[in-house]
Protein backbone atom coordinates (compact mmCIF):
# COMPACT_ATOMS: atom_id res chain seq x y z
CA MET A 1 0.21 -0.10 0.02
CA ARG A 2 2.66 1.99 1.01
CA LYS A 3 3.86 2.14 -2.75
CA ASP A 4 0.37 3.25 -3.91
CA ARG A 5 0.52 6.15 -1.78
CA TRP A 6 3.93 6.93 -3.06
CA LEU A 7 3.07 6.54 -6.76
CA LYS A 8 -0.27 8.78 -6.11
CA ASP A 9 1.57 11.87 -4.79
CA ARG A 10 3.84 11.58 -7.67
CA VAL A 11 1.12 11.30 -10.50
CA ILE A 12 -0.01 14.54 -8.46
CA PHE A 13 3.24 15.92 -8.41
CA TRP A 14 4.17 15.98 -12.08
CA GLN A 15 0.21 16.50 -13.15
CA THR A 16 0.40 19.93 -11.47
CA ILE A 17 3.72 20.81 -13.13
CA PHE A 18 2.05 19.92 -16.36
CA GLU A 19 -1.01 22.07 -16.02
CA GLN A 20 1.04 25.13 -14.93
CA THR A 21 3.44 24.69 -17.59
CA TYR A 22 0.31 24.48 -19.97
CA GLU A 23 -1.17 27.61 -18.73
CA GLY A 24 1.91 29.45 -19.01
CA LEU A 25 2.84 28.54 -22.47
CA LYS A 26 -1.36 29.49 -22.96
CA GLY A 27 -1.09 32.48 -21.71
CA ARG A 28 2.18 33.39 -23.63
CA GLY A 29 -0.07 32.66 -26.93
CA ILE A 30 2.22 29.17 -27.52
CA LYS A 31 -0.45 26.62 -28.99
CA LEU A 32 0.29 23.08 -28.15
CA ARG A 33 -1.67 20.42 -29.84
CA GLU A 34 -4.59 18.54 -28.21
CA PRO A 35 -3.46 15.00 -27.36
CA GLN A 36 -5.59 12.39 -30.04
CA GLU A 37 -7.66 9.62 -29.30
CA VAL A 38 -6.15 6.65 -30.78
CA LYS A 39 -8.78 3.92 -32.08
CA ILE A 40 -7.70 0.41 -32.09
CA SER A 41 -9.60 -2.01 -34.25
CA SER A 42 -11.50 -4.65 -32.83
CA GLU A 43 -9.66 -6.91 -35.17
CA ARG A 44 -6.26 -5.97 -33.71
CA MET A 45 -7.63 -6.41 -30.10
CA LYS A 46 -9.21 -9.61 -30.41
CA LEU A 47 -5.67 -10.59 -31.82
CA ALA A 48 -3.72 -9.20 -28.58
CA GLN A 49 -6.34 -10.94 -26.52
CA GLN A 50 -5.47 -14.37 -28.34
CA ILE A 51 -1.38 -13.28 -27.96
CA ARG A 52 -1.71 -12.56 -24.37
CA ASN A 53 -4.13 -15.58 -23.16
CA ILE A 54 -1.83 -18.01 -24.75
CA ARG A 55 1.43 -16.14 -23.35
CA MET A 56 -0.46 -16.77 -19.51
CA LYS A 57 -1.56 -20.17 -20.82
CA LEU A 58 2.10 -20.96 -21.59
CA GLY A 59 3.19 -19.42 -18.37
CA TYR A 60 5.53 -16.86 -19.88
CA THR A 61 5.91 -13.19 -18.43
CA GLN A 62 6.00 -10.39 -20.39
CA GLU A 63 9.34 -10.14 -19.65
CA ASP A 64 10.28 -13.75 -20.54
CA MET A 65 9.21 -13.39 -23.83
CA ALA A 66 10.97 -10.18 -24.52
CA LYS A 67 14.06 -12.03 -23.73
CA LYS A 68 13.06 -15.15 -26.52
CA LEU A 69 12.00 -12.22 -28.86
CA GLY A 70 14.76 -10.20 -28.81
CA THR A 71 13.08 -7.14 -27.67
CA VAL A 72 11.97 -5.27 -24.92
CA GLN A 73 8.74 -5.85 -22.05
CA GLN A 74 7.12 -2.54 -23.38
CA TYR A 75 7.01 -3.69 -26.26
CA ILE A 76 5.29 -6.77 -25.47
CA SER A 77 3.07 -4.84 -23.51
CA LYS A 78 2.04 -2.43 -26.36
CA ILE A 79 1.28 -5.33 -28.60
CA GLU A 80 -1.65 -7.27 -25.79
CA ASN A 81 -3.29 -3.81 -25.49
CA GLY A 82 -3.65 -3.25 -29.29
CA HIS A 83 -1.69 -0.30 -28.96
CA GLU A 84 1.45 -2.06 -31.29
CA ASN A 85 0.97 -2.11 -34.74
CA PHE A 86 3.28 -4.46 -35.80
CA SER A 87 4.09 -6.83 -38.78
CA ILE A 88 3.55 -10.09 -40.29
CA ASP A 89 7.10 -11.28 -39.14
CA ALA A 90 7.02 -10.24 -35.28
CA LEU A 91 3.64 -12.30 -35.59
CA ALA A 92 5.66 -15.19 -36.97
CA ARG A 93 8.12 -14.53 -34.47
CA ILE A 94 6.06 -14.80 -31.63
CA ALA A 95 3.95 -17.83 -32.83
CA ASP A 96 7.52 -19.69 -32.97
CA VAL A 97 8.12 -18.37 -29.47
CA PHE A 98 4.73 -20.24 -28.64
CA GLU A 99 5.93 -22.72 -30.86
CA LYS A 100 2.60 -22.54 -32.66
CA GLY A 101 1.95 -22.25 -36.58
CA LEU A 102 0.29 -19.44 -37.86
CA VAL A 103 -2.70 -19.55 -39.48
CA ILE A 104 -3.83 -16.34 -41.09
CA ARG A 105 -7.25 -16.59 -42.92
CA LEU A 106 -9.17 -13.69 -45.17
CA LYS A 107 -12.80 -13.15 -45.28
């Protein structure tokens, strides 16, 4: 619980810094672009969920999978959350890590 409290305080601190900086720039007439909402396709989310389910069923952590792929854990997290638009080559490497065949079906 102590970590959670510390994290909350840290988030509040950085949010305050952001808001003050944002208002200062806005007051000087400097325009900042608004955050854009990212739309994730249902197909990508289905694939992401399948990858996560298989990884968990095999007992791999994201870190284990990243080491086997020669990448970092954050990349695996982005894939599993649907935020990474990865290539078919990357998907084939993931299938190899899982020792599964890769079947792509077009409708």
